[in-house]
Amino acid sequence: WGTLALLTKLSGGEIPEFQLMAMTFGIAFLLMCSRWVFSGHSGVHYLR
C-alpha cells in the first residue's frame, strides 16, 4: 500500500488509480513467483 501511495505521488496523477493498483499487485505477483522459484516448487498446488 505504501508502494501504491508512492507511485501515485510520483506519477502526478498521470496514471489512473486502478492501473497503479494493478501494477502494485503485479509487483506482489512477481515477488511471489520469485519466492516459489527460489524455494524449489512451482506454486501450482496453491491454485488447486
ModelCIF file with pLDDT and N, C-alpha, C, O atoms, coordinates in Angstrom:
data_MODEL
#
_entry.id   MODEL 
#
_entity.id                         1 
_entity.type                       polymer 
_entity.pdbx_number_of_molecules   1 
#
_entity_poly.entity_id                      1 
_entity_poly.type                           'polypeptide(L)' 
_entity_poly.nstd_linkage                   no 
_entity_poly.nstd_monomer                   no 
_entity_poly.pdbx_seq_one_letter_code       WGTLALLTKLSGGEIPEFQLMAMTFGIAFLLMCSRWVFSGHSGVHYLR 
_entity_poly.pdbx_seq_one_letter_code_can   WGTLALLTKLSGGEIPEFQLMAMTFGIAFLLMCSRWVFSGHSGVHYLR 
_entity_poly.pdbx_strand_id                 A 
#
loop_
_entity_poly_seq.entity_id 
_entity_poly_seq.num 
_entity_poly_seq.mon_id 
_entity_poly_seq.hetero 
1 1  TRP n 
1 2  GLY n 
1 3  THR n 
1 4  LEU n 
1 5  ALA n 
1 6  LEU n 
1 7  LEU n 
1 8  THR n 
1 9  LYS n 
1 10 LEU n 
1 11 SER n 
1 12 GLY n 
1 13 GLY n 
1 14 GLU n 
1 15 ILE n 
1 16 PRO n 
1 17 GLU n 
1 18 PHE n 
1 19 GLN n 
1 20 LEU n 
1 21 MET n 
1 22 ALA n 
1 23 MET n 
1 24 THR n 
1 25 PHE n 
1 26 GLY n 
1 27 ILE n 
1 28 ALA n 
1 29 PHE n 
1 30 LEU n 
1 31 LEU n 
1 32 MET n 
1 33 CYS n 
1 34 SER n 
1 35 ARG n 
1 36 TRP n 
1 37 VAL n 
1 38 PHE n 
1 39 SER n 
1 40 GLY n 
1 41 HIS n 
1 42 SER n 
1 43 GLY n 
1 44 VAL n 
1 45 HIS n 
1 46 TYR n 
1 47 LEU n 
1 48 ARG n 
#
_struct_asym.id          A 
_struct_asym.entity_id   1 
#
loop_
_ma_qa_metric.id 
_ma_qa_metric.mode 
_ma_qa_metric.name 
_ma_qa_metric.software_group_id 
_ma_qa_metric.type 
1 global pLDDT . pLDDT 
2 local  pLDDT . pLDDT 
#
_ma_qa_metric_global.metric_id      1 
_ma_qa_metric_global.metric_value   81.04 
_ma_qa_metric_global.model_id       1 
_ma_qa_metric_global.ordinal_id     1 
#
loop_
_ma_qa_metric_local.label_asym_id 
_ma_qa_metric_local.label_comp_id 
_ma_qa_metric_local.label_seq_id 
_ma_qa_metric_local.metric_id 
_ma_qa_metric_local.metric_value 
_ma_qa_metric_local.model_id 
_ma_qa_metric_local.ordinal_id 
A TRP 1  2 80.00 1 1  
A GLY 2  2 83.00 1 2  
A THR 3  2 78.00 1 3  
A LEU 4  2 78.00 1 4  
A ALA 5  2 81.00 1 5  
A LEU 6  2 82.00 1 6  
A LEU 7  2 78.00 1 7  
A THR 8  2 80.00 1 8  
A LYS 9  2 83.00 1 9  
A LEU 10 2 84.00 1 10 
A SER 11 2 81.00 1 11 
A GLY 12 2 83.00 1 12 
A GLY 13 2 78.00 1 13 
A GLU 14 2 85.00 1 14 
A ILE 15 2 81.00 1 15 
A PRO 16 2 83.00 1 16 
A GLU 17 2 78.00 1 17 
A PHE 18 2 83.00 1 18 
A GLN 19 2 84.00 1 19 
A LEU 20 2 81.00 1 20 
A MET 21 2 80.00 1 21 
A ALA 22 2 85.00 1 22 
A MET 23 2 82.00 1 23 
A THR 24 2 78.00 1 24 
A PHE 25 2 83.00 1 25 
A GLY 26 2 88.00 1 26 
A ILE 27 2 84.00 1 27 
A ALA 28 2 81.00 1 28 
A PHE 29 2 85.00 1 29 
A LEU 30 2 89.00 1 30 
A LEU 31 2 84.00 1 31 
A MET 32 2 83.00 1 32 
A CYS 33 2 85.00 1 33 
A SER 34 2 87.00 1 34 
A ARG 35 2 84.00 1 35 
A TRP 36 2 83.00 1 36 
A VAL 37 2 85.00 1 37 
A PHE 38 2 87.00 1 38 
A SER 39 2 83.00 1 39 
A GLY 40 2 83.00 1 40 
A HIS 41 2 78.00 1 41 
A SER 42 2 75.00 1 42 
A GLY 43 2 72.00 1 43 
A VAL 44 2 74.00 1 44 
A HIS 45 2 73.00 1 45 
A TYR 46 2 69.00 1 46 
A LEU 47 2 70.00 1 47 
A ARG 48 2 76.00 1 48 
#
loop_
_atom_site.group_PDB 
_atom_site.id 
_atom_site.type_symbol 
_atom_site.label_atom_id 
_atom_site.label_alt_id 
_atom_site.label_comp_id 
_atom_site.label_asym_id 
_atom_site.label_entity_id 
_atom_site.label_seq_id 
_atom_site.pdbx_PDB_ins_code 
_atom_site.Cartn_x 
_atom_site.Cartn_y 
_atom_site.Cartn_z 
_atom_site.occupancy 
_atom_site.B_iso_or_equiv 
_atom_site.pdbx_formal_charge 
_atom_site.auth_seq_id 
_atom_site.auth_comp_id 
_atom_site.auth_asym_id 
_atom_site.auth_atom_id 
_atom_site.pdbx_PDB_model_num 
ATOM 1   N N  . TRP A 1 1  ? 0.833  -1.199  0.000   1.00 80.00 ? 1  TRP A N  1 
ATOM 2   C CA . TRP A 1 1  ? 0.000  0.000   0.000   1.00 80.00 ? 1  TRP A CA 1 
ATOM 3   C C  . TRP A 1 1  ? 0.867  1.248   0.000   1.00 80.00 ? 1  TRP A C  1 
ATOM 4   O O  . TRP A 1 1  ? 0.503  2.256   -0.606  1.00 80.00 ? 1  TRP A O  1 
ATOM 5   N N  . GLY A 1 2  ? 2.018  1.192   0.677   1.00 83.00 ? 2  GLY A N  1 
ATOM 6   C CA . GLY A 1 2  ? 2.956  2.312   0.632   1.00 83.00 ? 2  GLY A CA 1 
ATOM 7   C C  . GLY A 1 2  ? 3.523  2.509   -0.763  1.00 83.00 ? 2  GLY A C  1 
ATOM 8   O O  . GLY A 1 2  ? 3.727  3.640   -1.205  1.00 83.00 ? 2  GLY A O  1 
ATOM 9   N N  . THR A 1 3  ? 3.778  1.396   -1.458  1.00 78.00 ? 3  THR A N  1 
ATOM 10  C CA . THR A 1 3  ? 4.250  1.478   -2.834  1.00 78.00 ? 3  THR A CA 1 
ATOM 11  C C  . THR A 1 3  ? 3.186  2.113   -3.725  1.00 78.00 ? 3  THR A C  1 
ATOM 12  O O  . THR A 1 3  ? 3.502  2.906   -4.612  1.00 78.00 ? 3  THR A O  1 
ATOM 13  N N  . LEU A 1 4  ? 1.940  1.764   -3.485  1.00 78.00 ? 4  LEU A N  1 
ATOM 14  C CA . LEU A 1 4  ? 0.852  2.371   -4.242  1.00 78.00 ? 4  LEU A CA 1 
ATOM 15  C C  . LEU A 1 4  ? 0.797  3.868   -4.004  1.00 78.00 ? 4  LEU A C  1 
ATOM 16  O O  . LEU A 1 4  ? 0.614  4.637   -4.948  1.00 78.00 ? 4  LEU A O  1 
ATOM 17  N N  . ALA A 1 5  ? 0.953  4.295   -2.754  1.00 81.00 ? 5  ALA A N  1 
ATOM 18  C CA . ALA A 1 5  ? 0.949  5.724   -2.445  1.00 81.00 ? 5  ALA A CA 1 
ATOM 19  C C  . ALA A 1 5  ? 2.140  6.423   -3.093  1.00 81.00 ? 5  ALA A C  1 
ATOM 20  O O  . ALA A 1 5  ? 2.003  7.524   -3.628  1.00 81.00 ? 5  ALA A O  1 
ATOM 21  N N  . LEU A 1 6  ? 3.300  5.787   -3.045  1.00 82.00 ? 6  LEU A N  1 
ATOM 22  C CA . LEU A 1 6  ? 4.496  6.380   -3.658  1.00 82.00 ? 6  LEU A CA 1 
ATOM 23  C C  . LEU A 1 6  ? 4.333  6.504   -5.168  1.00 82.00 ? 6  LEU A C  1 
ATOM 24  O O  . LEU A 1 6  ? 4.657  7.544   -5.741  1.00 82.00 ? 6  LEU A O  1 
ATOM 25  N N  . LEU A 1 7  ? 3.838  5.459   -5.815  1.00 78.00 ? 7  LEU A N  1 
ATOM 26  C CA . LEU A 1 7  ? 3.629  5.522   -7.256  1.00 78.00 ? 7  LEU A CA 1 
ATOM 27  C C  . LEU A 1 7  ? 2.586  6.566   -7.630  1.00 78.00 ? 7  LEU A C  1 
ATOM 28  O O  . LEU A 1 7  ? 2.711  7.226   -8.662  1.00 78.00 ? 7  LEU A O  1 
ATOM 29  N N  . THR A 1 8  ? 1.559  6.721   -6.800  1.00 80.00 ? 8  THR A N  1 
ATOM 30  C CA . THR A 1 8  ? 0.543  7.745   -7.055  1.00 80.00 ? 8  THR A CA 1 
ATOM 31  C C  . THR A 1 8  ? 1.165  9.130   -6.999  1.00 80.00 ? 8  THR A C  1 
ATOM 32  O O  . THR A 1 8  ? 0.888  9.979   -7.846  1.00 80.00 ? 8  THR A O  1 
ATOM 33  N N  . LYS A 1 9  ? 2.001  9.350   -6.005  1.00 83.00 ? 9  LYS A N  1 
ATOM 34  C CA . LYS A 1 9  ? 2.655  10.655  -5.856  1.00 83.00 ? 9  LYS A CA 1 
ATOM 35  C C  . LYS A 1 9  ? 3.633  10.902  -6.997  1.00 83.00 ? 9  LYS A C  1 
ATOM 36  O O  . LYS A 1 9  ? 3.669  12.003  -7.547  1.00 83.00 ? 9  LYS A O  1 
ATOM 37  N N  . LEU A 1 10 ? 4.420  9.906   -7.359  1.00 84.00 ? 10 LEU A N  1 
ATOM 38  C CA . LEU A 1 10 ? 5.427  10.089  -8.408  1.00 84.00 ? 10 LEU A CA 1 
ATOM 39  C C  . LEU A 1 10 ? 4.808  10.243  -9.795  1.00 84.00 ? 10 LEU A C  1 
ATOM 40  O O  . LEU A 1 10 ? 5.385  10.895  -10.665 1.00 84.00 ? 10 LEU A O  1 
ATOM 41  N N  . SER A 1 11 ? 3.645  9.648   -9.999  1.00 81.00 ? 11 SER A N  1 
ATOM 42  C CA . SER A 1 11 ? 3.025  9.746   -11.326 1.00 81.00 ? 11 SER A CA 1 
ATOM 43  C C  . SER A 1 11 ? 2.370  11.098  -11.544 1.00 81.00 ? 11 SER A C  1 
ATOM 44  O O  . SER A 1 11 ? 2.104  11.478  -12.684 1.00 81.00 ? 11 SER A O  1 
ATOM 45  N N  . GLY A 1 12 ? 2.107  11.826  -10.474 1.00 83.00 ? 12 GLY A N  1 
ATOM 46  C CA . GLY A 1 12 ? 1.495  13.143  -10.608 1.00 83.00 ? 12 GLY A CA 1 
ATOM 47  C C  . GLY A 1 12 ? 0.075  13.084  -11.152 1.00 83.00 ? 12 GLY A C  1 
ATOM 48  O O  . GLY A 1 12 ? -0.404 14.055  -11.737 1.00 83.00 ? 12 GLY A O  1 
ATOM 49  N N  . GLY A 1 13 ? -0.601 11.959  -10.967 1.00 78.00 ? 13 GLY A N  1 
ATOM 50  C CA . GLY A 1 13 ? -1.969 11.824  -11.444 1.00 78.00 ? 13 GLY A CA 1 
ATOM 51  C C  . GLY A 1 13 ? -2.067 11.454  -12.916 1.00 78.00 ? 13 GLY A C  1 
ATOM 52  O O  . GLY A 1 13 ? -3.168 11.433  -13.466 1.00 78.00 ? 13 GLY A O  1 
ATOM 53  N N  . GLU A 1 14 ? -0.952 11.164  -13.565 1.00 85.00 ? 14 GLU A N  1 
ATOM 54  C CA . GLU A 1 14 ? -0.945 10.806  -14.984 1.00 85.00 ? 14 GLU A CA 1 
ATOM 55  C C  . GLU A 1 14 ? -1.445 9.386   -15.230 1.00 85.00 ? 14 GLU A C  1 
ATOM 56  O O  . GLU A 1 14 ? -1.996 9.096   -16.292 1.00 85.00 ? 14 GLU A O  1 
ATOM 57  N N  . ILE A 1 15 ? -1.257 8.505   -14.257 1.00 81.00 ? 15 ILE A N  1 
ATOM 58  C CA . ILE A 1 15 ? -1.662 7.103   -14.401 1.00 81.00 ? 15 ILE A CA 1 
ATOM 59  C C  . ILE A 1 15 ? -2.923 6.902   -13.573 1.00 81.00 ? 15 ILE A C  1 
ATOM 60  O O  . ILE A 1 15 ? -2.961 7.307   -12.411 1.00 81.00 ? 15 ILE A O  1 
ATOM 61  N N  . PRO A 1 16 ? -3.958 6.285   -14.141 1.00 83.00 ? 16 PRO A N  1 
ATOM 62  C CA . PRO A 1 16 ? -5.201 6.058   -13.394 1.00 83.00 ? 16 PRO A CA 1 
ATOM 63  C C  . PRO A 1 16 ? -4.976 5.200   -12.145 1.00 83.00 ? 16 PRO A C  1 
ATOM 64  O O  . PRO A 1 16 ? -4.062 4.377   -12.098 1.00 83.00 ? 16 PRO A O  1 
ATOM 65  N N  . GLU A 1 17 ? -5.820 5.407   -11.145 1.00 78.00 ? 17 GLU A N  1 
ATOM 66  C CA . GLU A 1 17 ? -5.648 4.752   -9.852  1.00 78.00 ? 17 GLU A CA 1 
ATOM 67  C C  . GLU A 1 17 ? -5.709 3.232   -9.949  1.00 78.00 ? 17 GLU A C  1 
ATOM 68  O O  . GLU A 1 17 ? -4.908 2.533   -9.329  1.00 78.00 ? 17 GLU A O  1 
ATOM 69  N N  . PHE A 1 18 ? -6.658 2.724   -10.728 1.00 83.00 ? 18 PHE A N  1 
ATOM 70  C CA . PHE A 1 18 ? -6.791 1.272   -10.831 1.00 83.00 ? 18 PHE A CA 1 
ATOM 71  C C  . PHE A 1 18 ? -5.613 0.655   -11.583 1.00 83.00 ? 18 PHE A C  1 
ATOM 72  O O  . PHE A 1 18 ? -5.240 -0.487  -11.314 1.00 83.00 ? 18 PHE A O  1 
ATOM 73  N N  . GLN A 1 19 ? -5.036 1.385   -12.504 1.00 84.00 ? 19 GLN A N  1 
ATOM 74  C CA . GLN A 1 19 ? -3.846 0.870   -13.182 1.00 84.00 ? 19 GLN A CA 1 
ATOM 75  C C  . GLN A 1 19 ? -2.677 0.812   -12.207 1.00 84.00 ? 19 GLN A C  1 
ATOM 76  O O  . GLN A 1 19 ? -1.904 -0.146  -12.222 1.00 84.00 ? 19 GLN A O  1 
ATOM 77  N N  . LEU A 1 20 ? -2.543 1.821   -11.364 1.00 81.00 ? 20 LEU A N  1 
ATOM 78  C CA . LEU A 1 20 ? -1.489 1.787   -10.351 1.00 81.00 ? 20 LEU A CA 1 
ATOM 79  C C  . LEU A 1 20 ? -1.695 0.629   -9.380  1.00 81.00 ? 20 LEU A C  1 
ATOM 80  O O  . LEU A 1 20 ? -0.739 -0.039  -8.986  1.00 81.00 ? 20 LEU A O  1 
ATOM 81  N N  . MET A 1 21 ? -2.950 0.398   -8.998  1.00 80.00 ? 21 MET A N  1 
ATOM 82  C CA . MET A 1 21 ? -3.226 -0.710  -8.097  1.00 80.00 ? 21 MET A CA 1 
ATOM 83  C C  . MET A 1 21 ? -2.885 -2.035  -8.775  1.00 80.00 ? 21 MET A C  1 
ATOM 84  O O  . MET A 1 21 ? -2.325 -2.928  -8.140  1.00 80.00 ? 21 MET A O  1 
ATOM 85  N N  . ALA A 1 22 ? -3.213 -2.166  -10.044 1.00 85.00 ? 22 ALA A N  1 
ATOM 86  C CA . ALA A 1 22 ? -2.866 -3.384  -10.781 1.00 85.00 ? 22 ALA A CA 1 
ATOM 87  C C  . ALA A 1 22 ? -1.353 -3.553  -10.869 1.00 85.00 ? 22 ALA A C  1 
ATOM 88  O O  . ALA A 1 22 ? -0.843 -4.671  -10.806 1.00 85.00 ? 22 ALA A O  1 
ATOM 89  N N  . MET A 1 23 ? -0.645 -2.447  -11.013 1.00 82.00 ? 23 MET A N  1 
ATOM 90  C CA . MET A 1 23 ? 0.817  -2.519  -11.071 1.00 82.00 ? 23 MET A CA 1 
ATOM 91  C C  . MET A 1 23 ? 1.395  -2.997  -9.740  1.00 82.00 ? 23 MET A C  1 
ATOM 92  O O  . MET A 1 23 ? 2.332  -3.795  -9.730  1.00 82.00 ? 23 MET A O  1 
ATOM 93  N N  . THR A 1 24 ? 0.850  -2.519  -8.610  1.00 78.00 ? 24 THR A N  1 
ATOM 94  C CA . THR A 1 24 ? 1.362  -2.969  -7.315  1.00 78.00 ? 24 THR A CA 1 
ATOM 95  C C  . THR A 1 24 ? 1.032  -4.444  -7.077  1.00 78.00 ? 24 THR A C  1 
ATOM 96  O O  . THR A 1 24 ? 1.841  -5.175  -6.505  1.00 78.00 ? 24 THR A O  1 
ATOM 97  N N  . PHE A 1 25 ? -0.159 -4.886  -7.516  1.00 83.00 ? 25 PHE A N  1 
ATOM 98  C CA . PHE A 1 25 ? -0.464 -6.312  -7.408  1.00 83.00 ? 25 PHE A CA 1 
ATOM 99  C C  . PHE A 1 25 ? 0.435  -7.127  -8.332  1.00 83.00 ? 25 PHE A C  1 
ATOM 100 O O  . PHE A 1 25 ? 0.792  -8.259  -8.006  1.00 83.00 ? 25 PHE A O  1 
ATOM 101 N N  . GLY A 1 26 ? 0.801  -6.569  -9.470  1.00 88.00 ? 26 GLY A N  1 
ATOM 102 C CA . GLY A 1 26 ? 1.748  -7.234  -10.358 1.00 88.00 ? 26 GLY A CA 1 
ATOM 103 C C  . GLY A 1 26 ? 3.115  -7.385  -9.720  1.00 88.00 ? 26 GLY A C  1 
ATOM 104 O O  . GLY A 1 26 ? 3.774  -8.412  -9.881  1.00 88.00 ? 26 GLY A O  1 
ATOM 105 N N  . ILE A 1 27 ? 3.540  -6.358  -8.992  1.00 84.00 ? 27 ILE A N  1 
ATOM 106 C CA . ILE A 1 27 ? 4.812  -6.435  -8.262  1.00 84.00 ? 27 ILE A CA 1 
ATOM 107 C C  . ILE A 1 27 ? 4.737  -7.545  -7.217  1.00 84.00 ? 27 ILE A C  1 
ATOM 108 O O  . ILE A 1 27 ? 5.678  -8.324  -7.067  1.00 84.00 ? 27 ILE A O  1 
ATOM 109 N N  . ALA A 1 28 ? 3.615  -7.617  -6.492  1.00 81.00 ? 28 ALA A N  1 
ATOM 110 C CA . ALA A 1 28 ? 3.448  -8.671  -5.486  1.00 81.00 ? 28 ALA A CA 1 
ATOM 111 C C  . ALA A 1 28 ? 3.471  -10.051 -6.133  1.00 81.00 ? 28 ALA A C  1 
ATOM 112 O O  . ALA A 1 28 ? 4.054  -10.989 -5.587  1.00 81.00 ? 28 ALA A O  1 
ATOM 113 N N  . PHE A 1 29 ? 2.831  -10.174 -7.307  1.00 85.00 ? 29 PHE A N  1 
ATOM 114 C CA . PHE A 1 29 ? 2.811  -11.457 -8.001  1.00 85.00 ? 29 PHE A CA 1 
ATOM 115 C C  . PHE A 1 29 ? 4.217  -11.869 -8.422  1.00 85.00 ? 29 PHE A C  1 
ATOM 116 O O  . PHE A 1 29 ? 4.596  -13.031 -8.269  1.00 85.00 ? 29 PHE A O  1 
ATOM 117 N N  . LEU A 1 30 ? 4.991  -10.926 -8.950  1.00 89.00 ? 30 LEU A N  1 
ATOM 118 C CA . LEU A 1 30 ? 6.356  -11.251 -9.358  1.00 89.00 ? 30 LEU A CA 1 
ATOM 119 C C  . LEU A 1 30 ? 7.229  -11.632 -8.163  1.00 89.00 ? 30 LEU A C  1 
ATOM 120 O O  . LEU A 1 30 ? 8.056  -12.538 -8.261  1.00 89.00 ? 30 LEU A O  1 
ATOM 121 N N  . LEU A 1 31 ? 7.047  -10.943 -7.037  1.00 84.00 ? 31 LEU A N  1 
ATOM 122 C CA . LEU A 1 31 ? 7.792  -11.307 -5.835  1.00 84.00 ? 31 LEU A CA 1 
ATOM 123 C C  . LEU A 1 31 ? 7.428  -12.713 -5.370  1.00 84.00 ? 31 LEU A C  1 
ATOM 124 O O  . LEU A 1 31 ? 8.300  -13.480 -4.960  1.00 84.00 ? 31 LEU A O  1 
ATOM 125 N N  . MET A 1 32 ? 6.141  -13.051 -5.434  1.00 83.00 ? 32 MET A N  1 
ATOM 126 C CA . MET A 1 32 ? 5.714  -14.384 -5.014  1.00 83.00 ? 32 MET A CA 1 
ATOM 127 C C  . MET A 1 32 ? 6.238  -15.449 -5.968  1.00 83.00 ? 32 MET A C  1 
ATOM 128 O O  . MET A 1 32 ? 6.647  -16.524 -5.531  1.00 83.00 ? 32 MET A O  1 
ATOM 129 N N  . CYS A 1 33 ? 6.228  -15.159 -7.280  1.00 85.00 ? 33 CYS A N  1 
ATOM 130 C CA . CYS A 1 33 ? 6.778  -16.124 -8.251  1.00 85.00 ? 33 CYS A CA 1 
ATOM 131 C C  . CYS A 1 33 ? 8.261  -16.354 -8.010  1.00 85.00 ? 33 CYS A C  1 
ATOM 132 O O  . CYS A 1 33 ? 8.737  -17.486 -8.099  1.00 85.00 ? 33 CYS A O  1 
ATOM 133 N N  . SER A 1 34 ? 8.992  -15.289 -7.704  1.00 87.00 ? 34 SER A N  1 
ATOM 134 C CA . SER A 1 34 ? 10.423 -15.456 -7.427  1.00 87.00 ? 34 SER A CA 1 
ATOM 135 C C  . SER A 1 34 ? 10.636 -16.266 -6.149  1.00 87.00 ? 34 SER A C  1 
ATOM 136 O O  . SER A 1 34 ? 11.588 -17.041 -6.056  1.00 87.00 ? 34 SER A O  1 
ATOM 137 N N  . ARG A 1 35 ? 9.760  -16.090 -5.176  1.00 84.00 ? 35 ARG A N  1 
ATOM 138 C CA . ARG A 1 35 ? 9.872  -16.887 -3.951  1.00 84.00 ? 35 ARG A CA 1 
ATOM 139 C C  . ARG A 1 35 ? 9.640  -18.360 -4.260  1.00 84.00 ? 35 ARG A C  1 
ATOM 140 O O  . ARG A 1 35 ? 10.350 -19.227 -3.750  1.00 84.00 ? 35 ARG A O  1 
ATOM 141 N N  . TRP A 1 36 ? 8.638  -18.641 -5.100  1.00 83.00 ? 36 TRP A N  1 
ATOM 142 C CA . TRP A 1 36 ? 8.375  -20.028 -5.467  1.00 83.00 ? 36 TRP A CA 1 
ATOM 143 C C  . TRP A 1 36 ? 9.562  -20.636 -6.204  1.00 83.00 ? 36 TRP A C  1 
ATOM 144 O O  . TRP A 1 36 ? 9.924  -21.785 -5.952  1.00 83.00 ? 36 TRP A O  1 
ATOM 145 N N  . VAL A 1 37 ? 10.165 -19.882 -7.102  1.00 85.00 ? 37 VAL A N  1 
ATOM 146 C CA . VAL A 1 37 ? 11.299 -20.402 -7.870  1.00 85.00 ? 37 VAL A CA 1 
ATOM 147 C C  . VAL A 1 37 ? 12.481 -20.687 -6.944  1.00 85.00 ? 37 VAL A C  1 
ATOM 148 O O  . VAL A 1 37 ? 13.122 -21.732 -7.060  1.00 85.00 ? 37 VAL A O  1 
ATOM 149 N N  . PHE A 1 38 ? 12.771 -19.769 -6.030  1.00 87.00 ? 38 PHE A N  1 
ATOM 150 C CA . PHE A 1 38 ? 13.905 -19.960 -5.137  1.00 87.00 ? 38 PHE A CA 1 
ATOM 151 C C  . PHE A 1 38 ? 13.667 -21.038 -4.096  1.00 87.00 ? 38 PHE A C  1 
ATOM 152 O O  . PHE A 1 38 ? 14.625 -21.617 -3.584  1.00 87.00 ? 38 PHE A O  1 
ATOM 153 N N  . SER A 1 39 ? 12.416 -21.321 -3.770  1.00 83.00 ? 39 SER A N  1 
ATOM 154 C CA . SER A 1 39 ? 12.142 -22.383 -2.802  1.00 83.00 ? 39 SER A CA 1 
ATOM 155 C C  . SER A 1 39 ? 12.060 -23.756 -3.468  1.00 83.00 ? 39 SER A C  1 
ATOM 156 O O  . SER A 1 39 ? 12.016 -24.779 -2.783  1.00 83.00 ? 39 SER A O  1 
ATOM 157 N N  . GLY A 1 40 ? 12.039 -23.779 -4.792  1.00 83.00 ? 40 GLY A N  1 
ATOM 158 C CA . GLY A 1 40 ? 12.127 -25.050 -5.492  1.00 83.00 ? 40 GLY A CA 1 
ATOM 159 C C  . GLY A 1 40 ? 10.816 -25.679 -5.910  1.00 83.00 ? 40 GLY A C  1 
ATOM 160 O O  . GLY A 1 40 ? 10.806 -26.848 -6.295  1.00 83.00 ? 40 GLY A O  1 
ATOM 161 N N  . HIS A 1 41 ? 9.715  -24.962 -5.853  1.00 78.00 ? 41 HIS A N  1 
ATOM 162 C CA . HIS A 1 41 ? 8.463  -25.517 -6.357  1.00 78.00 ? 41 HIS A CA 1 
ATOM 163 C C  . HIS A 1 41 ? 7.752  -24.476 -7.198  1.00 78.00 ? 41 HIS A C  1 
ATOM 164 O O  . HIS A 1 41 ? 8.085  -23.291 -7.168  1.00 78.00 ? 41 HIS A O  1 
ATOM 165 N N  . SER A 1 42 ? 6.766  -24.943 -7.950  1.00 75.00 ? 42 SER A N  1 
ATOM 166 C CA . SER A 1 42 ? 6.132  -24.067 -8.926  1.00 75.00 ? 42 SER A CA 1 
ATOM 167 C C  . SER A 1 42 ? 5.007  -23.223 -8.351  1.00 75.00 ? 42 SER A C  1 
ATOM 168 O O  . SER A 1 42 ? 4.641  -22.211 -8.950  1.00 75.00 ? 42 SER A O  1 
ATOM 169 N N  . GLY A 1 43 ? 4.454  -23.598 -7.228  1.00 72.00 ? 43 GLY A N  1 
ATOM 170 C CA . GLY A 1 43 ? 3.351  -22.848 -6.657  1.00 72.00 ? 43 GLY A CA 1 
ATOM 171 C C  . GLY A 1 43 ? 1.999  -23.221 -7.228  1.00 72.00 ? 43 GLY A C  1 
ATOM 172 O O  . GLY A 1 43 ? 0.986  -22.624 -6.864  1.00 72.00 ? 43 GLY A O  1 
ATOM 173 N N  . VAL A 1 44 ? 1.970  -24.205 -8.123  1.00 74.00 ? 44 VAL A N  1 
ATOM 174 C CA . VAL A 1 44 ? 0.713  -24.609 -8.746  1.00 74.00 ? 44 VAL A CA 1 
ATOM 175 C C  . VAL A 1 44 ? -0.234 -25.225 -7.716  1.00 74.00 ? 44 VAL A C  1 
ATOM 176 O O  . VAL A 1 44 ? -1.453 -25.109 -7.847  1.00 74.00 ? 44 VAL A O  1 
ATOM 177 N N  . HIS A 1 45 ? 0.319  -25.876 -6.694  1.00 73.00 ? 45 HIS A N  1 
ATOM 178 C CA . HIS A 1 45 ? -0.561 -26.517 -5.711  1.00 73.00 ? 45 HIS A CA 1 
ATOM 179 C C  . HIS A 1 45 ? -1.355 -25.486 -4.911  1.00 73.00 ? 45 HIS A C  1 
ATOM 180 O O  . HIS A 1 45 ? -2.348 -25.846 -4.279  1.00 73.00 ? 45 HIS A O  1 
ATOM 181 N N  . TYR A 1 46 ? -0.951 -24.221 -4.920  1.00 69.00 ? 46 TYR A N  1 
ATOM 182 C CA . TYR A 1 46 ? -1.748 -23.181 -4.269  1.00 69.00 ? 46 TYR A CA 1 
ATOM 183 C C  . TYR A 1 46 ? -2.996 -22.847 -5.084  1.00 69.00 ? 46 TYR A C  1 
ATOM 184 O O  . TYR A 1 46 ? -3.954 -22.289 -4.550  1.00 69.00 ? 46 TYR A O  1 
ATOM 185 N N  . LEU A 1 47 ? -2.990 -23.183 -6.360  1.00 70.00 ? 47 LEU A N  1 
ATOM 186 C CA . LEU A 1 47 ? -4.120 -22.883 -7.231  1.00 70.00 ? 47 LEU A CA 1 
ATOM 187 C C  . LEU A 1 47 ? -5.194 -23.965 -7.201  1.00 70.00 ? 47 LEU A C  1 
ATOM 188 O O  . LEU A 1 47 ? -6.310 -23.739 -7.670  1.00 70.00 ? 47 LEU A O  1 
ATOM 189 N N  . ARG A 1 48 ? -4.877 -25.119 -6.665  1.00 76.00 ? 48 ARG A N  1 
ATOM 190 C CA . ARG A 1 48 ? -5.844 -26.218 -6.628  1.00 76.00 ? 48 ARG A CA 1 
ATOM 191 C C  . ARG A 1 48 ? -6.943 -25.910 -5.624  1.00 76.00 ? 48 ARG A C  1 
ATOM 192 O O  . ARG A 1 48 ? -7.857 -26.714 -5.443  1.00 76.00 ? 48 ARG A O  1 
#
